[in-house]
């Protein structure tokens, strides 16, 4: 079965261990040397109207994916631990050393 990134974005990720609904695929990490997908990224839930930022992201390694179905992606691990987002320095933090 061939699948595009736009198709993956509409699939919900569910853990087969505890049945938790983790979210929808938002991004893919690709190894450019091997030309293969390394992991899926699921963005954390947004805060109040998106004003207060987002929760941490989930990164699902490719080896944890059991099945990619028509509507869902089943993973073989418990709900993964969120990964901290890389924060960009604010304008004043960039210029603090100058």
Foldseek 3Di string as FASTA:
>chain_A
DDDDPVQQQQAWEAEPVPRDTQGGFDDWDADPVVGGTFWTKAWADADDVNPVDGDAIDTGGPVQWDDDDNHYTYGHDDRDDGDHDDDDDDPCVVVVVD
